PDB file of N, CA and C in Angstrom:
ATOM      1  N   MET A   1       0.846  -1.160   0.000  1.00  0.00           N
ATOM      2  CA  MET A   1       0.000   0.000   0.000  1.00  0.00           C
ATOM      3  C   MET A   1       0.897   1.230   0.000  1.00  0.00           C
ATOM      4  N   ARG A   2       0.555   2.202  -0.828  1.00  0.00           N
ATOM      5  CA  ARG A   2       1.360   3.413  -0.918  1.00  0.00           C
ATOM      6  C   ARG A   2       0.678   4.559  -0.191  1.00  0.00           C
ATOM      7  N   ALA A   3       1.508   5.459   0.322  1.00  0.00           N
ATOM      8  CA  ALA A   3       1.011   6.636   1.022  1.00  0.00           C
ATOM      9  C   ALA A   3       1.856   7.836   0.621  1.00  0.00           C
ATOM     10  N   VAL A   4       1.282   9.008   0.802  1.00  0.00           N
ATOM     11  CA  VAL A   4       1.974  10.262   0.538  1.00  0.00           C
ATOM     12  C   VAL A   4       2.277  10.909   1.880  1.00  0.00           C
ATOM     13  N   MET A   5       3.528  11.318   2.061  1.00  0.00           N
ATOM     14  CA  MET A   5       3.930  11.999   3.292  1.00  0.00           C
ATOM     15  C   MET A   5       4.445  13.383   2.924  1.00  0.00           C
ATOM     16  N   THR A   6       3.952  14.403   3.632  1.00  0.00           N
ATOM     17  CA  THR A   6       4.457  15.757   3.441  1.00  0.00           C
ATOM     18  C   THR A   6       5.125  16.217   4.727  1.00  0.00           C
ATOM     19  N   VAL A   7       6.213  16.956   4.567  1.00  0.00           N
ATOM     20  CA  VAL A   7       6.961  17.494   5.700  1.00  0.00           C
ATOM     21  C   VAL A   7       7.221  18.963   5.400  1.00  0.00           C
ATOM     22  N   THR A   8       6.764  19.844   6.280  1.00  0.00           N
ATOM     23  CA  THR A   8       7.002  21.276   6.097  1.00  0.00           C
ATOM     24  C   THR A   8       7.412  21.901   7.419  1.00  0.00           C
ATOM     25  N   GLY A   9       8.173  22.963   7.320  1.00  0.00           N
ATOM     26  CA  GLY A   9       8.578  23.696   8.518  1.00  0.00           C
ATOM     27  C   GLY A   9       9.869  24.451   8.292  1.00  0.00           C
ATOM     28  N   LYS A  10      10.376  25.019   9.356  1.00  0.00           N
ATOM     29  CA  LYS A  10      11.638  25.752   9.303  1.00  0.00           C
ATOM     30  C   LYS A  10      12.762  24.770   8.991  1.00  0.00           C
ATOM     31  N   ASP A  11      13.651  25.168   8.091  1.00  0.00           N
ATOM     32  CA  ASP A  11      14.758  24.296   7.697  1.00  0.00           C
ATOM     33  C   ASP A  11      15.737  24.136   8.855  1.00  0.00           C
ATOM     34  N   ILE A  12      15.970  22.889   9.242  1.00  0.00           N
ATOM     35  CA  ILE A  12      16.942  22.564  10.287  1.00  0.00           C
ATOM     36  C   ILE A  12      17.764  21.365   9.819  1.00  0.00           C
ATOM     37  N   ILE A  13      18.910  21.198  10.391  1.00  0.00           N
ATOM     38  CA  ILE A  13      19.790  20.093  10.022  1.00  0.00           C
ATOM     39  C   ILE A  13      19.167  18.756  10.435  1.00  0.00           C
ATOM     40  N   GLY A  14      19.192  17.788   9.526  1.00  0.00           N
ATOM     41  CA  GLY A  14      18.811  16.421   9.858  1.00  0.00           C
ATOM     42  C   GLY A  14      17.374  16.024   9.601  1.00  0.00           C
ATOM     43  N   ILE A  15      16.579  16.880   8.957  1.00  0.00           N
ATOM     44  CA  ILE A  15      15.167  16.528   8.731  1.00  0.00           C
ATOM     45  C   ILE A  15      15.055  15.240   7.918  1.00  0.00           C
ATOM     46  N   LEU A  16      15.706  15.209   6.770  1.00  0.00           N
ATOM     47  CA  LEU A  16      15.617  14.028   5.912  1.00  0.00           C
ATOM     48  C   LEU A  16      16.141  12.787   6.629  1.00  0.00           C
ATOM     49  N   ALA A  17      17.227  12.939   7.368  1.00  0.00           N
ATOM     50  CA  ALA A  17      17.804  11.803   8.103  1.00  0.00           C
ATOM     51  C   ALA A  17      16.838  11.274   9.157  1.00  0.00           C
ATOM     52  N   GLU A  18      16.201  12.166   9.904  1.00  0.00           N
ATOM     53  CA  GLU A  18      15.278  11.714  10.959  1.00  0.00           C
ATOM     54  C   GLU A  18      14.038  11.059  10.381  1.00  0.00           C
ATOM     55  N   VAL A  19      13.462  11.679   9.355  1.00  0.00           N
ATOM     56  CA  VAL A  19      12.246  11.130   8.755  1.00  0.00           C
ATOM     57  C   VAL A  19      12.541   9.776   8.106  1.00  0.00           C
ATOM     58  N   SER A  20      13.618   9.696   7.337  1.00  0.00           N
ATOM     59  CA  SER A  20      13.938   8.420   6.687  1.00  0.00           C
ATOM     60  C   SER A  20      14.353   7.362   7.710  1.00  0.00           C
ATOM     61  N   GLY A  21      15.012   7.775   8.777  1.00  0.00           N
ATOM     62  CA  GLY A  21      15.382   6.833   9.835  1.00  0.00           C
ATOM     63  C   GLY A  21      14.169   6.224  10.513  1.00  0.00           C
ATOM     64  N   LYS A  22      13.164   7.062  10.793  1.00  0.00           N
ATOM     65  CA  LYS A  22      11.941   6.557  11.418  1.00  0.00           C
ATOM     66  C   LYS A  22      11.199   5.627  10.452  1.00  0.00           C
ATOM     67  N   CYS A  23      11.181   5.969   9.162  1.00  0.00           N
ATOM     68  CA  CYS A  23      10.558   5.081   8.171  1.00  0.00           C
ATOM     69  C   CYS A  23      11.254   3.724   8.163  1.00  0.00           C
ATOM     70  N   SER A  24      12.568   3.738   8.161  1.00  0.00           N
ATOM     71  CA  SER A  24      13.335   2.491   8.166  1.00  0.00           C
ATOM     72  C   SER A  24      13.042   1.670   9.417  1.00  0.00           C
ATOM     73  N   GLU A  25      12.995   2.345  10.555  1.00  0.00           N
ATOM     74  CA  GLU A  25      12.711   1.677  11.834  1.00  0.00           C
ATOM     75  C   GLU A  25      11.365   0.962  11.805  1.00  0.00           C
ATOM     76  N   LEU A  26      10.394   1.538  11.084  1.00  0.00           N
ATOM     77  CA  LEU A  26       9.044   0.976  11.019  1.00  0.00           C
ATOM     78  C   LEU A  26       8.824   0.114   9.773  1.00  0.00           C
ATOM     79  N   ASN A  27       9.914  -0.155   9.036  1.00  0.00           N
ATOM     80  CA  ASN A  27       9.872  -0.995   7.843  1.00  0.00           C
ATOM     81  C   ASN A  27       9.020  -0.387   6.727  1.00  0.00           C
ATOM     82  N   VAL A  28       9.127   0.922   6.565  1.00  0.00           N
ATOM     83  CA  VAL A  28       8.442   1.650   5.500  1.00  0.00           C
ATOM     84  C   VAL A  28       9.488   2.030   4.458  1.00  0.00           C
ATOM     85  N   ASN A  29       9.222   1.692   3.204  1.00  0.00           N
ATOM     86  CA  ASN A  29      10.169   1.969   2.127  1.00  0.00           C
ATOM     87  C   ASN A  29       9.839   3.300   1.452  1.00  0.00           C
ATOM     88  N   ILE A  30      10.825   4.165   1.319  1.00  0.00           N
ATOM     89  CA  ILE A  30      10.661   5.432   0.609  1.00  0.00           C
ATOM     90  C   ILE A  30      10.945   5.157  -0.860  1.00  0.00           C
ATOM     91  N   THR A  31       9.930   5.360  -1.715  1.00  0.00           N
ATOM     92  CA  THR A  31      10.102   5.052  -3.135  1.00  0.00           C
ATOM     93  C   THR A  31      10.412   6.290  -3.970  1.00  0.00           C
ATOM     94  N   GLU A  32       9.923   7.445  -3.551  1.00  0.00           N
ATOM     95  CA  GLU A  32      10.225   8.696  -4.249  1.00  0.00           C
ATOM     96  C   GLU A  32      10.255   9.817  -3.229  1.00  0.00           C
ATOM     97  N   VAL A  33      11.113  10.803  -3.497  1.00  0.00           N
ATOM     98  CA  VAL A  33      11.190  11.957  -2.606  1.00  0.00           C
ATOM     99  C   VAL A  33      11.572  13.192  -3.411  1.00  0.00           C
ATOM    100  N   THR A  34      10.942  14.290  -3.080  1.00  0.00           N
ATOM    101  CA  THR A  34      11.322  15.583  -3.627  1.00  0.00           C
ATOM    102  C   THR A  34      11.327  16.565  -2.473  1.00  0.00           C
ATOM    103  N   GLN A  35      12.288  17.469  -2.492  1.00  0.00           N
ATOM    104  CA  GLN A  35      12.353  18.457  -1.420  1.00  0.00           C
ATOM    105  C   GLN A  35      12.863  19.771  -1.971  1.00  0.00           C
ATOM    106  N   SER A  36      12.464  20.840  -1.312  1.00  0.00           N
ATOM    107  CA  SER A  36      12.919  22.183  -1.660  1.00  0.00           C
ATOM    108  C   SER A  36      13.120  22.964  -0.384  1.00  0.00           C
ATOM    109  N   VAL A  37      14.049  23.888  -0.438  1.00  0.00           N
ATOM    110  CA  VAL A  37      14.227  24.842   0.649  1.00  0.00           C
ATOM    111  C   VAL A  37      14.026  26.218   0.038  1.00  0.00           C
ATOM    112  N   LEU A  38      13.018  26.932   0.524  1.00  0.00           N
ATOM    113  CA  LEU A  38      12.703  28.273   0.056  1.00  0.00           C
ATOM    114  C   LEU A  38      13.039  29.233   1.185  1.00  0.00           C
ATOM    115  N   GLN A  39      14.157  29.934   1.037  1.00  0.00           N
ATOM    116  CA  GLN A  39      14.726  30.746   2.106  1.00  0.00           C
ATOM    117  C   GLN A  39      14.948  29.851   3.317  1.00  0.00           C
ATOM    118  N   ASP A  40      14.143  29.958   4.362  1.00  0.00           N
ATOM    119  CA  ASP A  40      14.343  29.079   5.524  1.00  0.00           C
ATOM    120  C   ASP A  40      13.187  28.096   5.708  1.00  0.00           C
ATOM    121  N   LEU A  41      12.355  27.934   4.675  1.00  0.00           N
ATOM    122  CA  LEU A  41      11.214  27.019   4.741  1.00  0.00           C
ATOM    123  C   LEU A  41      11.547  25.717   4.022  1.00  0.00           C
ATOM    124  N   PHE A  42      11.441  24.609   4.744  1.00  0.00           N
ATOM    125  CA  PHE A  42      11.714  23.277   4.206  1.00  0.00           C
ATOM    126  C   PHE A  42      10.400  22.639   3.782  1.00  0.00           C
ATOM    127  N   CYS A  43      10.364  22.072   2.578  1.00  0.00           N
ATOM    128  CA  CYS A  43       9.178  21.381   2.065  1.00  0.00           C
ATOM    129  C   CYS A  43       9.624  20.063   1.431  1.00  0.00           C
ATOM    130  N   MET A  44       8.987  18.974   1.826  1.00  0.00           N
ATOM    131  CA  MET A  44       9.340  17.670   1.265  1.00  0.00           C
ATOM    132  C   MET A  44       8.069  16.848   1.056  1.00  0.00           C
ATOM    133  N   ILE A  45       8.034  16.144  -0.062  1.00  0.00           N
ATOM    134  CA  ILE A  45       6.953  15.202  -0.349  1.00  0.00           C
ATOM    135  C   ILE A  45       7.600  13.851  -0.612  1.00  0.00           C
ATOM    136  N   MET A  46       7.101  12.829   0.063  1.00  0.00           N
ATOM    137  CA  MET A  46       7.609  11.470  -0.116  1.00  0.00           C
ATOM    138  C   MET A  46       6.467  10.554  -0.524  1.00  0.00           C
ATOM    139  N   LEU A  47       6.768   9.648  -1.421  1.00  0.00           N
ATOM    140  CA  LEU A  47       5.864   8.543  -1.713  1.00  0.00           C
ATOM    141  C   LEU A  47       6.474   7.333  -1.023  1.00  0.00           C
ATOM    142  N   VAL A  48       5.705   6.714  -0.138  1.00  0.00           N
ATOM    143  CA  VAL A  48       6.231   5.607   0.657  1.00  0.00           C
ATOM    144  C   VAL A  48       5.382   4.356   0.458  1.00  0.00           C
ATOM    145  N   ASP A  49       6.029   3.212   0.584  1.00  0.00           N
ATOM    146  CA  ASP A  49       5.349   1.916   0.513  1.00  0.00           C
ATOM    147  C   ASP A  49       5.215   1.399   1.943  1.00  0.00           C
ATOM    148  N   THR A  50       3.977   1.324   2.417  1.00  0.00           N
ATOM    149  CA  THR A  50       3.713   0.895   3.793  1.00  0.00           C
ATOM    150  C   THR A  50       3.251  -0.559   3.863  1.00  0.00           C
ATOM    151  N   GLY A  51       3.406  -1.290   2.771  1.00  0.00           N
ATOM    152  CA  GLY A  51       2.941  -2.677   2.713  1.00  0.00           C
ATOM    153  C   GLY A  51       3.556  -3.585   3.765  1.00  0.00           C
ATOM    154  N   LYS A  52       4.787  -3.304   4.178  1.00  0.00           N
ATOM    155  CA  LYS A  52       5.454  -4.126   5.186  1.00  0.00           C
ATOM    156  C   LYS A  52       5.644  -3.372   6.501  1.00  0.00           C
ATOM    157  N   CYS A  53       4.925  -2.278   6.658  1.00  0.00           N
ATOM    158  CA  CYS A  53       5.048  -1.461   7.874  1.00  0.00           C
ATOM    159  C   CYS A  53       4.701  -2.295   9.106  1.00  0.00           C
ATOM    160  N   SER A  54       5.462  -2.090  10.161  1.00  0.00           N
ATOM    161  CA  SER A  54       5.279  -2.878  11.385  1.00  0.00           C
ATOM    162  C   SER A  54       4.091  -2.416  12.231  1.00  0.00           C
ATOM    163  N   VAL A  55       3.439  -1.316  11.828  1.00  0.00           N
ATOM    164  CA  VAL A  55       2.254  -0.810  12.535  1.00  0.00           C
ATOM    165  C   VAL A  55       1.200  -0.429  11.490  1.00  0.00           C
ATOM    166  N   PRO A  56      -0.077  -0.333  11.883  1.00  0.00           N
ATOM    167  CA  PRO A  56      -1.112   0.104  10.940  1.00  0.00           C
ATOM    168  C   PRO A  56      -0.842   1.530  10.438  1.00  0.00           C
ATOM    169  N   LEU A  57      -1.397   1.864   9.268  1.00  0.00           N
ATOM    170  CA  LEU A  57      -1.172   3.176   8.664  1.00  0.00           C
ATOM    171  C   LEU A  57      -1.536   4.317   9.610  1.00  0.00           C
ATOM    172  N   SER A  58      -2.653   4.192  10.321  1.00  0.00           N
ATOM    173  CA  SER A  58      -3.065   5.270  11.231  1.00  0.00           C
ATOM    174  C   SER A  58      -2.033   5.491  12.331  1.00  0.00           C
ATOM    175  N   GLU A  59      -1.450   4.416  12.831  1.00  0.00           N
ATOM    176  CA  GLU A  59      -0.421   4.542  13.863  1.00  0.00           C
ATOM    177  C   GLU A  59       0.870   5.118  13.278  1.00  0.00           C
ATOM    178  N   PHE A  60       1.226   4.685  12.071  1.00  0.00           N
ATOM    179  CA  PHE A  60       2.394   5.251  11.391  1.00  0.00           C
ATOM    180  C   PHE A  60       2.220   6.758  11.229  1.00  0.00           C
ATOM    181  N   SER A  61       1.030   7.168  10.810  1.00  0.00           N
ATOM    182  CA  SER A  61       0.737   8.592  10.650  1.00  0.00           C
ATOM    183  C   SER A  61       0.901   9.342  11.968  1.00  0.00           C
ATOM    184  N   ASP A  62       0.379   8.771  13.052  1.00  0.00           N
ATOM    185  CA  ASP A  62       0.506   9.401  14.376  1.00  0.00           C
ATOM    186  C   ASP A  62       1.966   9.494  14.821  1.00  0.00           C
ATOM    187  N   ILE A  63       2.733   8.442  14.586  1.00  0.00           N
ATOM    188  CA  ILE A  63       4.155   8.432  14.966  1.00  0.00           C
ATOM    189  C   ILE A  63       4.904   9.527  14.214  1.00  0.00           C
ATOM    190  N   MET A  64       4.636   9.640  12.913  1.00  0.00           N
ATOM    191  CA  MET A  64       5.329  10.650  12.117  1.00  0.00           C
ATOM    192  C   MET A  64       4.895  12.055  12.526  1.00  0.00           C
ATOM    193  N   SER A  65       3.624  12.221  12.832  1.00  0.00           N
ATOM    194  CA  SER A  65       3.134  13.520  13.291  1.00  0.00           C
ATOM    195  C   SER A  65       3.821  13.940  14.586  1.00  0.00           C
ATOM    196  N   ARG A  66       3.958  13.003  15.518  1.00  0.00           N
ATOM    197  CA  ARG A  66       4.645  13.300  16.786  1.00  0.00           C
ATOM    198  C   ARG A  66       6.115  13.631  16.561  1.00  0.00           C
ATOM    199  N   LEU A  67       6.765  12.905  15.647  1.00  0.00           N
ATOM    200  CA  LEU A  67       8.151  13.212  15.303  1.00  0.00           C
ATOM    201  C   LEU A  67       8.248  14.652  14.807  1.00  0.00           C
ATOM    202  N   GLY A  68       7.316  15.028  13.953  1.00  0.00           N
ATOM    203  CA  GLY A  68       7.295  16.396  13.446  1.00  0.00           C
ATOM    204  C   GLY A  68       7.094  17.414  14.553  1.00  0.00           C
ATOM    205  N   GLN A  69       6.149  17.157  15.436  1.00  0.00           N
ATOM    206  CA  GLN A  69       5.889  18.082  16.546  1.00  0.00           C
ATOM    207  C   GLN A  69       7.122  18.261  17.415  1.00  0.00           C
ATOM    208  N   ASP A  70       7.841  17.182  17.646  1.00  0.00           N
ATOM    209  CA  ASP A  70       9.058  17.246  18.462  1.00  0.00           C
ATOM    210  C   ASP A  70      10.135  18.113  17.825  1.00  0.00           C
ATOM    211  N   ARG A  71      10.102  18.238  16.491  1.00  0.00           N
ATOM    212  CA  ARG A  71      11.122  18.999  15.761  1.00  0.00           C
ATOM    213  C   ARG A  71      10.589  20.323  15.211  1.00  0.00           C
ATOM    214  N   GLY A  72       9.343  20.676  15.551  1.00  0.00           N
ATOM    215  CA  GLY A  72       8.767  21.920  15.049  1.00  0.00           C
ATOM    216  C   GLY A  72       8.362  21.848  13.585  1.00  0.00           C
ATOM    217  N   LEU A  73       8.001  20.653  13.132  1.00  0.00           N
ATOM    218  CA  LEU A  73       7.613  20.426  11.743  1.00  0.00           C
ATOM    219  C   LEU A  73       6.179  19.927  11.670  1.00  0.00           C
ATOM    220  N   ASP A  74       5.560  20.102  10.511  1.00  0.00           N
ATOM    221  CA  ASP A  74       4.257  19.494  10.243  1.00  0.00           C
ATOM    222  C   ASP A  74       4.495  18.299   9.328  1.00  0.00           C
ATOM    223  N   ILE A  75       4.184  17.110   9.815  1.00  0.00           N
ATOM    224  CA  ILE A  75       4.315  15.895   9.010  1.00  0.00           C
ATOM    225  C   ILE A  75       2.937  15.254   8.902  1.00  0.00           C
ATOM    226  N   HIS A  76       2.504  15.042   7.660  1.00  0.00           N
ATOM    227  CA  HIS A  76       1.198  14.434   7.404  1.00  0.00           C
ATOM    228  C   HIS A  76       1.388  13.216   6.503  1.00  0.00           C
ATOM    229  N   VAL A  77       0.677  12.149   6.827  1.00  0.00           N
ATOM    230  CA  VAL A  77       0.706  10.923   6.031  1.00  0.00           C
ATOM    231  C   VAL A  77      -0.723  10.591   5.644  1.00  0.00           C
ATOM    232  N   MET A  78      -0.940  10.322   4.347  1.00  0.00           N
ATOM    233  CA  MET A  78      -2.268   9.894   3.916  1.00  0.00           C
ATOM    234  C   MET A  78      -2.141   8.810   2.859  1.00  0.00           C
ATOM    235  N   HIS A  79      -3.087   7.889   2.884  1.00  0.00           N
ATOM    236  CA  HIS A  79      -3.128   6.813   1.897  1.00  0.00           C
ATOM    237  C   HIS A  79      -3.182   7.443   0.506  1.00  0.00           C
ATOM    238  N   GLU A  80      -2.507   6.849  -0.430  1.00  0.00           N
ATOM    239  CA  GLU A  80      -2.446   7.387  -1.789  1.00  0.00           C
ATOM    240  C   GLU A  80      -3.838   7.582  -2.394  1.00  0.00           C
ATOM    241  N   ALA A  81      -4.776   6.687  -2.118  1.00  0.00           N
ATOM    242  CA  ALA A  81      -6.128   6.799  -2.668  1.00  0.00           C
ATOM    243  C   ALA A  81      -6.829   8.055  -2.161  1.00  0.00           C
ATOM    244  N   VAL A  82      -6.614   8.406  -0.897  1.00  0.00           N
ATOM    245  CA  VAL A  82      -7.199   9.631  -0.333  1.00  0.00           C
ATOM    246  C   VAL A  82      -6.583  10.839  -1.021  1.00  0.00           C
ATOM    247  N   PHE A  83      -5.273  10.833  -1.165  1.00  0.00           N
ATOM    248  CA  PHE A  83      -4.579  11.923  -1.847  1.00  0.00           C
ATOM    249  C   PHE A  83      -5.105  12.071  -3.270  1.00  0.00           C
ATOM    250  N   ASP A  84      -5.213  10.957  -3.997  1.00  0.00           N
ATOM    251  CA  ASP A  84      -5.700  10.996  -5.378  1.00  0.00           C
ATOM    252  C   ASP A  84      -7.118  11.534  -5.460  1.00  0.00           C
ATOM    253  N   SER A  85      -7.993  11.120  -4.547  1.00  0.00           N
ATOM    254  CA  SER A  85      -9.384  11.574  -4.595  1.00  0.00           C
ATOM    255  C   SER A  85      -9.507  13.059  -4.279  1.00  0.00           C
ATOM    256  N   MET A  86      -8.596  13.586  -3.480  1.00  0.00           N
ATOM    257  CA  MET A  86      -8.624  15.016  -3.154  1.00  0.00           C
ATOM    258  C   MET A  86      -8.303  15.871  -4.375  1.00  0.00           C
ATOM    259  N   TYR A  87      -7.503  15.352  -5.285  1.00  0.00           N
ATOM    260  CA  TYR A  87      -7.033  16.144  -6.416  1.00  0.00           C
ATOM    261  C   TYR A  87      -7.555  15.651  -7.757  1.00  0.00           C
ATOM    262  N   HIS A  88      -8.537  14.755  -7.722  1.00  0.00           N
ATOM    263  CA  HIS A  88      -9.141  14.244  -8.953  1.00  0.00           C
ATOM    264  C   HIS A  88     -10.453  14.971  -9.196  1.00  0.00           C
ATOM    265  N   VAL A  89     -10.576  15.569 -10.369  1.00  0.00           N
ATOM    266  CA  VAL A  89     -11.793  16.320 -10.699  1.00  0.00           C
ATOM    267  C   VAL A  89     -12.652  15.505 -11.629  1.00  0.00           C
TER     268      VAL A  89
END
C-alpha cells in the first residue's frame, strides 16, 4: 500500500535523516522523494510503501506527526487513494 507523506517547517539540520530513519525503523520503504528549501522554509513530499510497515497506517501517521511536533515540523501521512481523490476532478 502506498502513502503520501508531506513534511514542512523551518529548515533545520537532519530533517531528511530523521524522517527516513523513522521510516526504516518501522519498515516503511521510501520510493520517491522531492524536497525544496525556500529561504528558511523546508518542504518535502515522499511517496512511501507501507505494505510491510510494522504498525497500521493510522499509527504510522501518528508516529510521524509526533516526530514532526518534536522537531517543530508538520508531518502528514495519507493513503495514496485519499490523496488521489482530493485532487481528482
